[in-house]
Amino acid sequence: MLQNHYNLMTTINKIVFELSGCLTGTKIQVLSQICKSILIATGKITMLEISRTTQRTYRTIQRFFALKDVAWSKFNI
């Protein structure tokens, strides 16, 4: 189980790294934390739940998903 979790996180980190060309360092960090938060969350995945598990403010999560320079509809990971 732990090995599977490690492999999954390695894959996610590679994908996030590939996005570094279109996102700044801070945005990459937030995206990485959001991915990890979604993996460990139980129940519904909401921005409030993400903000609680990432130790980021709810407003920070809102701002991240409101970015105009990222085509969220094309994210199908």
PDB file of N, CA and C in Angstrom:
ATOM      1  N   MET A   1       0.833  -1.192   0.000  1.00  0.00           N
ATOM      2  CA  MET A   1       0.000   0.000   0.000  1.00  0.00           C
ATOM      3  C   MET A   1       0.876   1.254   0.000  1.00  0.00           C
ATOM      4  N   LEU A   2       1.893   1.278   0.846  1.00  0.00           N
ATOM      5  CA  LEU A   2       2.772   2.432   0.937  1.00  0.00           C
ATOM      6  C   LEU A   2       3.527   2.630  -0.365  1.00  0.00           C
ATOM      7  N   GLN A   3       3.939   1.536  -1.001  1.00  0.00           N
ATOM      8  CA  GLN A   3       4.644   1.626  -2.275  1.00  0.00           C
ATOM      9  C   GLN A   3       3.739   2.220  -3.355  1.00  0.00           C
ATOM     10  N   ASN A   4       2.458   1.805  -3.373  1.00  0.00           N
ATOM     11  CA  ASN A   4       1.508   2.351  -4.337  1.00  0.00           C
ATOM     12  C   ASN A   4       1.327   3.852  -4.143  1.00  0.00           C
ATOM     13  N   HIS A   5       1.237   4.274  -2.877  1.00  0.00           N
ATOM     14  CA  HIS A   5       1.086   5.693  -2.561  1.00  0.00           C
ATOM     15  C   HIS A   5       2.319   6.459  -3.029  1.00  0.00           C
ATOM     16  N   TYR A   6       3.494   5.899  -2.810  1.00  0.00           N
ATOM     17  CA  TYR A   6       4.741   6.536  -3.233  1.00  0.00           C
ATOM     18  C   TYR A   6       4.788   6.672  -4.747  1.00  0.00           C
ATOM     19  N   ASN A   7       4.408   5.609  -5.466  1.00  0.00           N
ATOM     20  CA  ASN A   7       4.399   5.642  -6.934  1.00  0.00           C
ATOM     21  C   ASN A   7       3.415   6.684  -7.455  1.00  0.00           C
ATOM     22  N   LEU A   8       2.258   6.774  -6.824  1.00  0.00           N
ATOM     23  CA  LEU A   8       1.251   7.733  -7.229  1.00  0.00           C
ATOM     24  C   LEU A   8       1.750   9.158  -7.020  1.00  0.00           C
ATOM     25  N   MET A   9       2.371   9.419  -5.883  1.00  0.00           N
ATOM     26  CA  MET A   9       2.891  10.756  -5.598  1.00  0.00           C
ATOM     27  C   MET A   9       4.026  11.107  -6.554  1.00  0.00           C
ATOM     28  N   THR A  10       4.854  10.140  -6.899  1.00  0.00           N
ATOM     29  CA  THR A  10       5.934  10.371  -7.860  1.00  0.00           C
ATOM     30  C   THR A  10       5.354  10.758  -9.214  1.00  0.00           C
ATOM     31  N   THR A  11       4.317  10.066  -9.641  1.00  0.00           N
ATOM     32  CA  THR A  11       3.667  10.371 -10.912  1.00  0.00           C
ATOM     33  C   THR A  11       3.040  11.762 -10.882  1.00  0.00           C
ATOM     34  N   ILE A  12       2.361  12.089  -9.798  1.00  0.00           N
ATOM     35  CA  ILE A  12       1.743  13.410  -9.676  1.00  0.00           C
ATOM     36  C   ILE A  12       2.803  14.497  -9.695  1.00  0.00           C
ATOM     37  N   ASN A  13       3.897  14.294  -9.001  1.00  0.00           N
ATOM     38  CA  ASN A  13       4.961  15.290  -8.982  1.00  0.00           C
ATOM     39  C   ASN A  13       5.557  15.493 -10.375  1.00  0.00           C
ATOM     40  N   LYS A  14       5.673  14.419 -11.154  1.00  0.00           N
ATOM     41  CA  LYS A  14       6.168  14.538 -12.530  1.00  0.00           C
ATOM     42  C   LYS A  14       5.208  15.368 -13.378  1.00  0.00           C
ATOM     43  N   ILE A  15       3.914  15.119 -13.223  1.00  0.00           N
ATOM     44  CA  ILE A  15       2.911  15.869 -13.985  1.00  0.00           C
ATOM     45  C   ILE A  15       2.941  17.340 -13.591  1.00  0.00           C
ATOM     46  N   VAL A  16       3.009  17.599 -12.302  1.00  0.00           N
ATOM     47  CA  VAL A  16       3.065  18.983 -11.814  1.00  0.00           C
ATOM     48  C   VAL A  16       4.323  19.666 -12.338  1.00  0.00           C
ATOM     49  N   PHE A  17       5.426  18.955 -12.360  1.00  0.00           N
ATOM     50  CA  PHE A  17       6.676  19.516 -12.866  1.00  0.00           C
ATOM     51  C   PHE A  17       6.551  19.897 -14.344  1.00  0.00           C
ATOM     52  N   GLU A  18       5.841  19.088 -15.110  1.00  0.00           N
ATOM     53  CA  GLU A  18       5.644  19.378 -16.531  1.00  0.00           C
ATOM     54  C   GLU A  18       4.865  20.681 -16.730  1.00  0.00           C
ATOM     55  N   LEU A  19       4.052  21.032 -15.753  1.00  0.00           N
ATOM     56  CA  LEU A  19       3.261  22.258 -15.849  1.00  0.00           C
ATOM     57  C   LEU A  19       4.052  23.491 -15.438  1.00  0.00           C
ATOM     58  N   SER A  20       5.284  23.306 -15.018  1.00  0.00           N
ATOM     59  CA  SER A  20       6.078  24.433 -14.526  1.00  0.00           C
ATOM     60  C   SER A  20       6.345  25.478 -15.598  1.00  0.00           C
ATOM     61  N   GLY A  21       6.173  25.113 -16.848  1.00  0.00           N
ATOM     62  CA  GLY A  21       6.352  26.081 -17.918  1.00  0.00           C
ATOM     63  C   GLY A  21       5.246  27.113 -17.986  1.00  0.00           C
ATOM     64  N   CYS A  22       4.057  26.757 -17.506  1.00  0.00           N
ATOM     65  CA  CYS A  22       2.930  27.694 -17.584  1.00  0.00           C
ATOM     66  C   CYS A  22       2.477  28.200 -16.220  1.00  0.00           C
ATOM     67  N   LEU A  23       3.091  27.730 -15.152  1.00  0.00           N
ATOM     68  CA  LEU A  23       2.737  28.206 -13.812  1.00  0.00           C
ATOM     69  C   LEU A  23       3.983  28.677 -13.082  1.00  0.00           C
ATOM     70  N   THR A  24       3.817  29.644 -12.200  1.00  0.00           N
ATOM     71  CA  THR A  24       4.939  30.133 -11.402  1.00  0.00           C
ATOM     72  C   THR A  24       5.248  29.150 -10.282  1.00  0.00           C
ATOM     73  N   GLY A  25       6.361  29.370  -9.607  1.00  0.00           N
ATOM     74  CA  GLY A  25       6.780  28.473  -8.525  1.00  0.00           C
ATOM     75  C   GLY A  25       5.755  28.334  -7.418  1.00  0.00           C
ATOM     76  N   THR A  26       5.170  29.458  -7.008  1.00  0.00           N
ATOM     77  CA  THR A  26       4.164  29.423  -5.939  1.00  0.00           C
ATOM     78  C   THR A  26       2.932  28.642  -6.381  1.00  0.00           C
ATOM     79  N   LYS A  27       2.506  28.859  -7.619  1.00  0.00           N
ATOM     80  CA  LYS A  27       1.328  28.153  -8.128  1.00  0.00           C
ATOM     81  C   LYS A  27       1.595  26.656  -8.251  1.00  0.00           C
ATOM     82  N   ILE A  28       2.827  26.303  -8.593  1.00  0.00           N
ATOM     83  CA  ILE A  28       3.205  24.889  -8.650  1.00  0.00           C
ATOM     84  C   ILE A  28       3.113  24.268  -7.260  1.00  0.00           C
ATOM     85  N   GLN A  29       3.586  24.983  -6.255  1.00  0.00           N
ATOM     86  CA  GLN A  29       3.512  24.482  -4.879  1.00  0.00           C
ATOM     87  C   GLN A  29       2.066  24.283  -4.445  1.00  0.00           C
ATOM     88  N   VAL A  30       1.218  25.258  -4.754  1.00  0.00           N
ATOM     89  CA  VAL A  30      -0.193  25.150  -4.386  1.00  0.00           C
ATOM     90  C   VAL A  30      -0.835  23.965  -5.099  1.00  0.00           C
ATOM     91  N   LEU A  31      -0.564  23.807  -6.395  1.00  0.00           N
ATOM     92  CA  LEU A  31      -1.125  22.684  -7.141  1.00  0.00           C
ATOM     93  C   LEU A  31      -0.675  21.350  -6.560  1.00  0.00           C
ATOM     94  N   SER A  32       0.588  21.248  -6.204  1.00  0.00           N
ATOM     95  CA  SER A  32       1.102  20.020  -5.611  1.00  0.00           C
ATOM     96  C   SER A  32       0.404  19.720  -4.284  1.00  0.00           C
ATOM     97  N   GLN A  33       0.218  20.745  -3.472  1.00  0.00           N
ATOM     98  CA  GLN A  33      -0.476  20.560  -2.195  1.00  0.00           C
ATOM     99  C   GLN A  33      -1.929  20.171  -2.408  1.00  0.00           C
ATOM    100  N   ILE A  34      -2.566  20.763  -3.408  1.00  0.00           N
ATOM    101  CA  ILE A  34      -3.961  20.417  -3.699  1.00  0.00           C
ATOM    102  C   ILE A  34      -4.068  18.955  -4.127  1.00  0.00           C
ATOM    103  N   CYS A  35      -3.157  18.504  -4.975  1.00  0.00           N
ATOM    104  CA  CYS A  35      -3.159  17.095  -5.409  1.00  0.00           C
ATOM    105  C   CYS A  35      -3.011  16.156  -4.221  1.00  0.00           C
ATOM    106  N   LYS A  36      -2.078  16.465  -3.345  1.00  0.00           N
ATOM    107  CA  LYS A  36      -1.877  15.630  -2.158  1.00  0.00           C
ATOM    108  C   LYS A  36      -3.114  15.649  -1.267  1.00  0.00           C
ATOM    109  N   SER A  37      -3.725  16.821  -1.132  1.00  0.00           N
ATOM    110  CA  SER A  37      -4.917  16.962  -0.308  1.00  0.00           C
ATOM    111  C   SER A  37      -6.066  16.113  -0.842  1.00  0.00           C
ATOM    112  N   ILE A  38      -6.233  16.120  -2.151  1.00  0.00           N
ATOM    113  CA  ILE A  38      -7.303  15.332  -2.768  1.00  0.00           C
ATOM    114  C   ILE A  38      -7.075  13.841  -2.530  1.00  0.00           C
ATOM    115  N   LEU A  39      -5.821  13.423  -2.546  1.00  0.00           N
ATOM    116  CA  LEU A  39      -5.513  12.010  -2.315  1.00  0.00           C
ATOM    117  C   LEU A  39      -5.836  11.561  -0.894  1.00  0.00           C
ATOM    118  N   ILE A  40      -5.605  12.433   0.082  1.00  0.00           N
ATOM    119  CA  ILE A  40      -5.808  12.014   1.477  1.00  0.00           C
ATOM    120  C   ILE A  40      -7.199  12.317   2.001  1.00  0.00           C
ATOM    121  N   ALA A  41      -7.977  13.070   1.237  1.00  0.00           N
ATOM    122  CA  ALA A  41      -9.307  13.463   1.699  1.00  0.00           C
ATOM    123  C   ALA A  41     -10.259  12.268   1.712  1.00  0.00           C
ATOM    124  N   THR A  42     -11.128  12.296   2.673  1.00  0.00           N
ATOM    125  CA  THR A  42     -12.193  11.291   2.742  1.00  0.00           C
ATOM    126  C   THR A  42     -13.520  12.021   2.580  1.00  0.00           C
ATOM    127  N   GLY A  43     -14.456  11.375   1.964  1.00  0.00           N
ATOM    128  CA  GLY A  43     -15.745  12.022   1.759  1.00  0.00           C
ATOM    129  C   GLY A  43     -15.711  12.951   0.564  1.00  0.00           C
ATOM    130  N   LYS A  44     -16.488  14.020   0.664  1.00  0.00           N
ATOM    131  CA  LYS A  44     -16.578  14.968  -0.439  1.00  0.00           C
ATOM    132  C   LYS A  44     -15.294  15.767  -0.580  1.00  0.00           C
ATOM    133  N   ILE A  45     -14.928  16.024  -1.816  1.00  0.00           N
ATOM    134  CA  ILE A  45     -13.762  16.855  -2.109  1.00  0.00           C
ATOM    135  C   ILE A  45     -14.284  18.256  -2.432  1.00  0.00           C
ATOM    136  N   THR A  46     -14.114  19.157  -1.509  1.00  0.00           N
ATOM    137  CA  THR A  46     -14.558  20.534  -1.699  1.00  0.00           C
ATOM    138  C   THR A  46     -13.370  21.466  -1.507  1.00  0.00           C
ATOM    139  N   MET A  47     -13.538  22.702  -1.933  1.00  0.00           N
ATOM    140  CA  MET A  47     -12.461  23.670  -1.730  1.00  0.00           C
ATOM    141  C   MET A  47     -12.227  23.905  -0.240  1.00  0.00           C
ATOM    142  N   LEU A  48     -13.279  23.824   0.550  1.00  0.00           N
ATOM    143  CA  LEU A  48     -13.118  23.975   1.995  1.00  0.00           C
ATOM    144  C   LEU A  48     -12.283  22.838   2.569  1.00  0.00           C
ATOM    145  N   GLU A  49     -12.556  21.612   2.140  1.00  0.00           N
ATOM    146  CA  GLU A  49     -11.775  20.456   2.598  1.00  0.00           C
ATOM    147  C   GLU A  49     -10.324  20.575   2.145  1.00  0.00           C
ATOM    148  N   ILE A  50     -10.128  21.013   0.913  1.00  0.00           N
ATOM    149  CA  ILE A  50      -8.769  21.197   0.401  1.00  0.00           C
ATOM    150  C   ILE A  50      -8.034  22.241   1.226  1.00  0.00           C
ATOM    151  N   SER A  51      -8.703  23.347   1.534  1.00  0.00           N
ATOM    152  CA  SER A  51      -8.045  24.408   2.313  1.00  0.00           C
ATOM    153  C   SER A  51      -7.689  23.928   3.718  1.00  0.00           C
ATOM    154  N   ARG A  52      -8.501  23.088   4.281  1.00  0.00           N
ATOM    155  CA  ARG A  52      -8.211  22.563   5.623  1.00  0.00           C
ATOM    156  C   ARG A  52      -6.998  21.635   5.623  1.00  0.00           C
ATOM    157  N   THR A  53      -6.891  20.790   4.612  1.00  0.00           N
ATOM    158  CA  THR A  53      -5.801  19.820   4.609  1.00  0.00           C
ATOM    159  C   THR A  53      -4.494  20.382   4.066  1.00  0.00           C
ATOM    160  N   THR A  54      -4.557  21.482   3.306  1.00  0.00           N
ATOM    161  CA  THR A  54      -3.330  22.074   2.776  1.00  0.00           C
ATOM    162  C   THR A  54      -2.778  23.182   3.662  1.00  0.00           C
ATOM    163  N   GLN A  55      -3.533  23.588   4.662  1.00  0.00           N
ATOM    164  CA  GLN A  55      -3.149  24.710   5.524  1.00  0.00           C
ATOM    165  C   GLN A  55      -3.092  26.019   4.735  1.00  0.00           C
ATOM    166  N   ARG A  56      -3.779  26.074   3.608  1.00  0.00           N
ATOM    167  CA  ARG A  56      -3.925  27.303   2.822  1.00  0.00           C
ATOM    168  C   ARG A  56      -5.304  27.873   3.117  1.00  0.00           C
ATOM    169  N   THR A  57      -5.465  29.160   2.911  1.00  0.00           N
ATOM    170  CA  THR A  57      -6.775  29.753   3.149  1.00  0.00           C
ATOM    171  C   THR A  57      -7.743  29.348   2.046  1.00  0.00           C
ATOM    172  N   TYR A  58      -9.010  29.406   2.386  1.00  0.00           N
ATOM    173  CA  TYR A  58     -10.052  29.109   1.398  1.00  0.00           C
ATOM    174  C   TYR A  58      -9.936  30.064   0.227  1.00  0.00           C
ATOM    175  N   ARG A  59      -9.640  31.319   0.519  1.00  0.00           N
ATOM    176  CA  ARG A  59      -9.501  32.334  -0.535  1.00  0.00           C
ATOM    177  C   ARG A  59      -8.336  32.004  -1.481  1.00  0.00           C
ATOM    178  N   THR A  60      -7.246  31.483  -0.938  1.00  0.00           N
ATOM    179  CA  THR A  60      -6.107  31.089  -1.774  1.00  0.00           C
ATOM    180  C   THR A  60      -6.517  29.994  -2.750  1.00  0.00           C
ATOM    181  N   ILE A  61      -7.277  29.027  -2.273  1.00  0.00           N
ATOM    182  CA  ILE A  61      -7.748  27.936  -3.132  1.00  0.00           C
ATOM    183  C   ILE A  61      -8.682  28.484  -4.204  1.00  0.00           C
ATOM    184  N   GLN A  62      -9.568  29.406  -3.825  1.00  0.00           N
ATOM    185  CA  GLN A  62     -10.465  30.032  -4.795  1.00  0.00           C
ATOM    186  C   GLN A  62      -9.673  30.762  -5.876  1.00  0.00           C
ATOM    187  N   ARG A  63      -8.697  31.540  -5.448  1.00  0.00           N
ATOM    188  CA  ARG A  63      -7.877  32.290  -6.406  1.00  0.00           C
ATOM    189  C   ARG A  63      -7.142  31.353  -7.361  1.00  0.00           C
ATOM    190  N   PHE A  64      -6.652  30.247  -6.822  1.00  0.00           N
ATOM    191  CA  PHE A  64      -5.920  29.304  -7.658  1.00  0.00           C
ATOM    192  C   PHE A  64      -6.811  28.746  -8.761  1.00  0.00           C
ATOM    193  N   PHE A  65      -8.006  28.315  -8.409  1.00  0.00           N
ATOM    194  CA  PHE A  65      -8.899  27.737  -9.412  1.00  0.00           C
ATOM    195  C   PHE A  65      -9.523  28.787 -10.318  1.00  0.00           C
ATOM    196  N   ALA A  66      -9.409  30.060  -9.957  1.00  0.00           N
ATOM    197  CA  ALA A  66      -9.938  31.141 -10.788  1.00  0.00           C
ATOM    198  C   ALA A  66      -8.886  31.685 -11.761  1.00  0.00           C
ATOM    199  N   LEU A  67      -7.702  31.087 -11.786  1.00  0.00           N
ATOM    200  CA  LEU A  67      -6.639  31.554 -12.679  1.00  0.00           C
ATOM    201  C   LEU A  67      -7.119  31.550 -14.124  1.00  0.00           C
ATOM    202  N   LYS A  68      -6.893  32.651 -14.789  1.00  0.00           N
ATOM    203  CA  LYS A  68      -7.313  32.767 -16.193  1.00  0.00           C
ATOM    204  C   LYS A  68      -6.282  32.172 -17.151  1.00  0.00           C
ATOM    205  N   ASP A  69      -5.023  32.069 -16.713  1.00  0.00           N
ATOM    206  CA  ASP A  69      -3.976  31.589 -17.608  1.00  0.00           C
ATOM    207  C   ASP A  69      -3.845  30.068 -17.634  1.00  0.00           C
ATOM    208  N   VAL A  70      -4.764  29.368 -16.974  1.00  0.00           N
ATOM    209  CA  VAL A  70      -4.761  27.905 -16.980  1.00  0.00           C
ATOM    210  C   VAL A  70      -6.090  27.427 -17.565  1.00  0.00           C
ATOM    211  N   ALA A  71      -6.018  26.589 -18.569  1.00  0.00           N
ATOM    212  CA  ALA A  71      -7.219  26.042 -19.193  1.00  0.00           C
ATOM    213  C   ALA A  71      -7.688  24.829 -18.395  1.00  0.00           C
ATOM    214  N   TRP A  72      -8.452  25.065 -17.345  1.00  0.00           N
ATOM    215  CA  TRP A  72      -8.866  23.991 -16.438  1.00  0.00           C
ATOM    216  C   TRP A  72      -9.696  22.931 -17.156  1.00  0.00           C
ATOM    217  N   SER A  73     -10.437  23.320 -18.164  1.00  0.00           N
ATOM    218  CA  SER A  73     -11.261  22.351 -18.873  1.00  0.00           C
ATOM    219  C   SER A  73     -10.425  21.320 -19.632  1.00  0.00           C
ATOM    220  N   LYS A  74      -9.164  21.642 -19.880  1.00  0.00           N
ATOM    221  CA  LYS A  74      -8.277  20.713 -20.584  1.00  0.00           C
ATOM    222  C   LYS A  74      -7.516  19.803 -19.638  1.00  0.00           C
ATOM    223  N   PHE A  75      -7.673  20.042 -18.336  1.00  0.00           N
ATOM    224  CA  PHE A  75      -7.028  19.178 -17.345  1.00  0.00           C
ATOM    225  C   PHE A  75      -7.851  17.920 -17.202  1.00  0.00           C
ATOM    226  N   ASN A  76      -7.356  16.841 -17.699  1.00  0.00           N
ATOM    227  CA  ASN A  76      -8.020  15.554 -17.580  1.00  0.00           C
ATOM    228  C   ASN A  76      -6.974  14.548 -17.156  1.00  0.00           C
ATOM    229  N   ILE A  77      -6.559  14.680 -15.920  1.00  0.00           N
ATOM    230  CA  ILE A  77      -5.471  13.842 -15.402  1.00  0.00           C
ATOM    231  C   ILE A  77      -6.061  12.622 -14.729  1.00  0.00           C
TER     232      ILE A  77
END
